[in-house]
Protein backbone atom coordinates (compact mmCIF):
# COMPACT_ATOMS: atom_id res chain seq x y z
CA MET A 1 226.57 167.18 44.41
CA ALA A 2 226.99 170.66 42.94
CA LYS A 3 228.35 171.07 39.43
CA HIS A 4 232.10 171.44 39.05
CA ARG A 5 232.77 170.53 42.68
CA ALA A 6 235.01 167.79 44.01
CA PRO A 7 233.20 165.19 46.16
CA GLU A 8 232.96 165.86 49.87
CA GLY A 9 236.08 164.75 51.66
CA ALA A 10 238.19 164.78 48.52
CA ALA A 11 241.87 165.67 48.70
CA THR A 12 241.15 169.04 47.06
CA ASP A 13 239.12 170.35 50.02
CA PHE A 14 240.54 173.56 51.50
CA ASP A 15 241.52 173.98 55.11
CA ALA A 16 238.99 175.82 57.26
CA ALA A 17 239.11 179.61 57.03
CA THR A 18 240.54 181.58 59.92
CA SER A 19 238.84 184.49 61.66
CA ALA A 20 241.42 186.45 63.62
CA LEU A 21 239.08 189.34 64.40
CA ALA A 22 235.34 189.70 64.81
CA ASP A 23 235.62 193.41 63.96
CA VAL A 24 237.51 194.02 60.70
CA THR A 25 236.55 197.70 60.50
CA GLY A 26 239.16 199.84 58.74
CA LYS A 27 240.63 200.94 55.44
CA TYR A 28 242.04 198.23 53.18
CA SER A 29 244.08 197.95 50.00
CA VAL A 30 243.68 195.01 47.62
CA ASP A 31 246.76 192.76 47.58
CA VAL A 32 247.23 192.17 43.86
CA ALA A 33 249.67 189.29 44.38
CA HIS A 34 247.05 187.27 46.28
CA THR A 35 243.89 188.38 44.47
CA ARG A 36 242.31 187.04 41.29
CA ILE A 37 239.82 188.82 39.07
CA GLY A 38 238.65 186.14 36.67
CA VAL A 39 236.33 186.11 33.68
CA ARG A 40 234.63 183.26 31.89
CA ALA A 41 232.38 182.98 28.86
CA ARG A 42 231.01 180.26 26.62
CA HIS A 43 232.86 179.65 23.35
CA ALA A 44 230.97 178.23 20.35
CA MET A 45 228.35 177.24 22.93
CA VAL A 46 230.25 174.03 23.67
CA THR A 47 232.90 174.96 26.23
CA THR A 48 233.93 177.63 28.72
CA VAL A 49 236.93 179.89 28.16
CA ARG A 50 238.48 181.35 31.30
CA GLY A 51 240.84 184.25 31.78
CA SER A 52 241.77 186.95 34.23
CA PHE A 53 242.93 190.53 34.56
CA THR A 54 246.43 190.73 36.00
CA GLU A 55 246.75 194.48 36.67
CA PHE A 56 244.32 196.25 38.99
CA ALA A 57 244.10 198.32 42.14
CA GLY A 58 241.41 198.51 44.75
CA THR A 59 240.53 200.05 48.09
CA ALA A 60 237.80 199.34 50.60
CA HIS A 61 236.55 200.95 53.76
CA LEU A 62 234.86 198.36 55.96
CA ASN A 63 232.55 199.29 58.82
CA VAL A 64 231.22 196.25 60.63
CA ALA A 65 229.01 198.23 63.03
CA ASP A 66 227.47 200.22 60.16
CA PRO A 67 227.84 198.27 56.88
CA ALA A 68 226.05 201.03 54.96
CA ALA A 69 229.05 203.27 55.72
CA SER A 70 231.37 200.84 53.90
CA SER A 71 232.65 201.51 50.39
CA VAL A 72 234.66 199.85 47.62
CA GLU A 73 236.51 201.08 44.54
CA LEU A 74 238.24 198.90 41.97
CA ARG A 75 240.18 199.87 38.83
CA ILE A 76 241.18 197.21 36.30
CA ALA A 77 243.65 197.71 33.43
CA THR A 78 241.84 196.39 30.37
CA ALA A 79 245.11 195.65 28.53
CA SER A 80 246.00 193.12 31.25
CA VAL A 81 243.35 190.60 30.12
CA ASP A 82 244.98 187.18 29.88
CA THR A 83 243.33 183.99 28.63
CA GLY A 84 246.61 182.20 27.91
CA VAL A 85 246.27 182.54 24.11
CA PRO A 86 248.11 185.58 22.67
CA ASP A 87 245.97 185.86 19.51
CA ARG A 88 242.75 185.69 21.50
CA ASP A 89 244.05 188.22 24.02
CA ALA A 90 245.00 190.61 21.20
CA HIS A 91 241.45 190.31 19.83
CA LEU A 92 239.96 191.01 23.27
CA ARG A 93 242.12 194.14 23.53
CA SER A 94 241.03 195.38 20.09
CA ALA A 95 238.13 197.69 19.23
CA ASP A 96 235.95 194.59 18.69
CA PHE A 97 235.92 194.06 22.44
CA LEU A 98 237.60 196.14 25.18
CA ASP A 99 239.19 198.76 22.88
CA VAL A 100 242.03 199.28 25.35
CA GLU A 101 243.56 202.23 23.48
CA ARG A 102 240.43 204.32 24.05
CA PHE A 103 239.26 202.75 27.31
CA PRO A 104 242.27 201.71 29.41
CA GLU A 105 240.28 200.94 32.59
CA ILE A 106 237.24 199.14 33.89
CA VAL A 107 236.03 200.93 37.01
CA PHE A 108 233.68 199.87 39.79
CA ARG A 109 232.59 202.30 42.50
CA SER A 110 230.16 201.23 45.19
CA THR A 111 227.08 203.29 45.96
CA GLU A 112 225.55 201.08 48.66
CA VAL A 113 226.62 198.23 50.94
CA GLU A 114 224.09 196.03 52.73
CA GLN A 115 224.78 193.16 55.10
CA VAL A 116 222.70 190.19 53.95
CA ASP A 117 223.71 187.76 56.70
CA ALA A 118 226.60 187.15 59.09
CA GLU A 119 229.22 186.78 56.35
CA VAL A 120 227.56 188.06 53.15
CA TYR A 121 227.49 191.68 51.99
CA GLN A 122 225.64 192.91 48.92
CA VAL A 123 227.69 195.63 47.26
CA THR A 124 225.80 197.77 44.75
CA GLY A 125 227.63 200.23 42.55
CA ASP A 126 228.42 201.66 39.14
CA LEU A 127 230.38 199.50 36.71
CA THR A 128 232.00 201.38 33.81
CA ILE A 129 233.24 199.48 30.75
CA LYS A 130 234.03 201.17 27.40
CA GLY A 131 232.61 204.44 28.69
CA VAL A 132 229.25 202.87 29.55
CA THR A 133 228.19 203.02 33.20
CA ARG A 134 225.49 200.75 34.58
CA PRO A 135 224.47 199.72 38.11
CA VAL A 136 225.28 196.20 39.30
CA SER A 137 225.04 194.29 42.59
CA ILE A 138 227.55 191.73 43.80
CA ASP A 139 227.22 189.44 46.79
CA PHE A 140 230.57 189.16 48.58
CA THR A 141 231.21 186.49 51.20
CA LEU A 142 233.71 187.30 53.94
CA THR A 143 235.93 184.21 53.81
CA GLY A 144 238.15 184.97 56.78
CA SER A 145 240.63 187.26 58.47
CA ALA A 146 244.17 186.57 59.58
CA LEU A 147 247.38 188.16 60.79
CA ASP A 148 250.05 187.11 58.28
CA PRO A 149 253.74 186.42 59.13
CA PHE A 150 254.64 189.99 58.13
CA GLY A 151 252.26 191.57 60.64
CA ASN A 152 249.57 192.46 58.08
CA LEU A 153 245.92 192.07 58.98
CA ARG A 154 244.22 190.47 55.99
CA VAL A 155 240.60 189.89 55.10
CA GLY A 156 239.34 187.69 52.29
CA PHE A 157 236.24 188.04 50.16
CA GLU A 158 234.77 185.99 47.32
CA GLY A 159 232.08 187.08 44.90
CA ALA A 160 230.83 186.71 41.35
CA LEU A 161 228.92 188.88 38.91
CA ALA A 162 227.10 187.80 35.75
CA ILE A 163 226.64 190.50 33.11
CA LYS A 164 225.42 190.75 29.54
CA ARG A 165 228.42 192.21 27.75
CA SER A 166 226.20 193.74 25.07
CA GLU A 167 224.87 196.16 27.71
CA TRP A 168 228.38 197.66 27.86
CA ASP A 169 228.80 197.93 24.07
CA LEU A 170 230.75 194.64 23.83
CA THR A 171 228.73 193.37 20.91
CA TRP A 172 231.18 191.63 18.54
CA ASN A 173 230.15 188.11 17.55
CA THR A 174 230.03 185.57 14.74
CA VAL A 175 227.03 183.41 13.92
CA LEU A 176 227.82 179.69 13.70
CA ASP A 177 226.71 177.57 10.73
CA THR A 178 225.16 175.12 13.17
CA GLY A 179 223.25 177.84 15.01
CA GLY A 180 224.17 179.98 17.98
CA VAL A 181 227.10 182.37 18.22
CA LEU A 182 230.83 182.11 18.79
CA VAL A 183 230.95 184.03 22.09
CA SER A 184 228.20 184.11 24.72
CA ASP A 185 226.64 187.43 25.61
CA ARG A 186 226.64 186.35 29.25
CA VAL A 187 230.02 186.74 30.94
CA GLN A 188 230.82 185.91 34.54
CA VAL A 189 233.32 187.98 36.51
CA GLU A 190 234.81 186.26 39.55
CA PHE A 191 236.50 187.90 42.54
CA ASP A 192 238.86 186.14 44.95
CA VAL A 193 240.12 189.03 47.02
CA SER A 194 242.77 189.37 49.71
CA ALA A 195 242.98 192.84 51.19
CA ILE A 196 245.46 194.29 53.68
CA LYS A 197 244.45 196.75 56.39
CA VAL A 198 246.28 200.04 55.93
CA SER A 199 244.62 202.12 58.65
């Protein structure tokens, strides 16, 4: 059994995904109300702290026949980071971490899209945090498509990206008396995306 997964057949299993269309080619806008951009990092090397960004905007152009012609752009408001603890969130917004006054956005722009298999697309692009731009690659799984009750065609994608925050000038830390550091350098960014076709 995989880590952090409920046993097979447990009550927490999701219903099967729907696939309304085989061809989801078109221009899409990220539906913020039904999308989560999460982050998680190790704290004191004994537990995982999770949070999310609550303000963001994104667009995608999907081309099923020619995946290389697809593109993605995502802008995240750094001040919207939310871990559920106001003091911690204030620290994350400060110059020690995201420095939201000087750098109000995290930006990702794709430079290449490659179809890995029937439902997985590797999206490579430039990730900019605190004015530092570095290339990253994210595997996104197409989790389904559906026509919602309001007549919107939706597609869903899930993906995750592990980065070393120090490579984007996020270097603040405190050494623990027992060894190790307070905050892990490795941070995982998680994407649960619902996007609506706009054209």
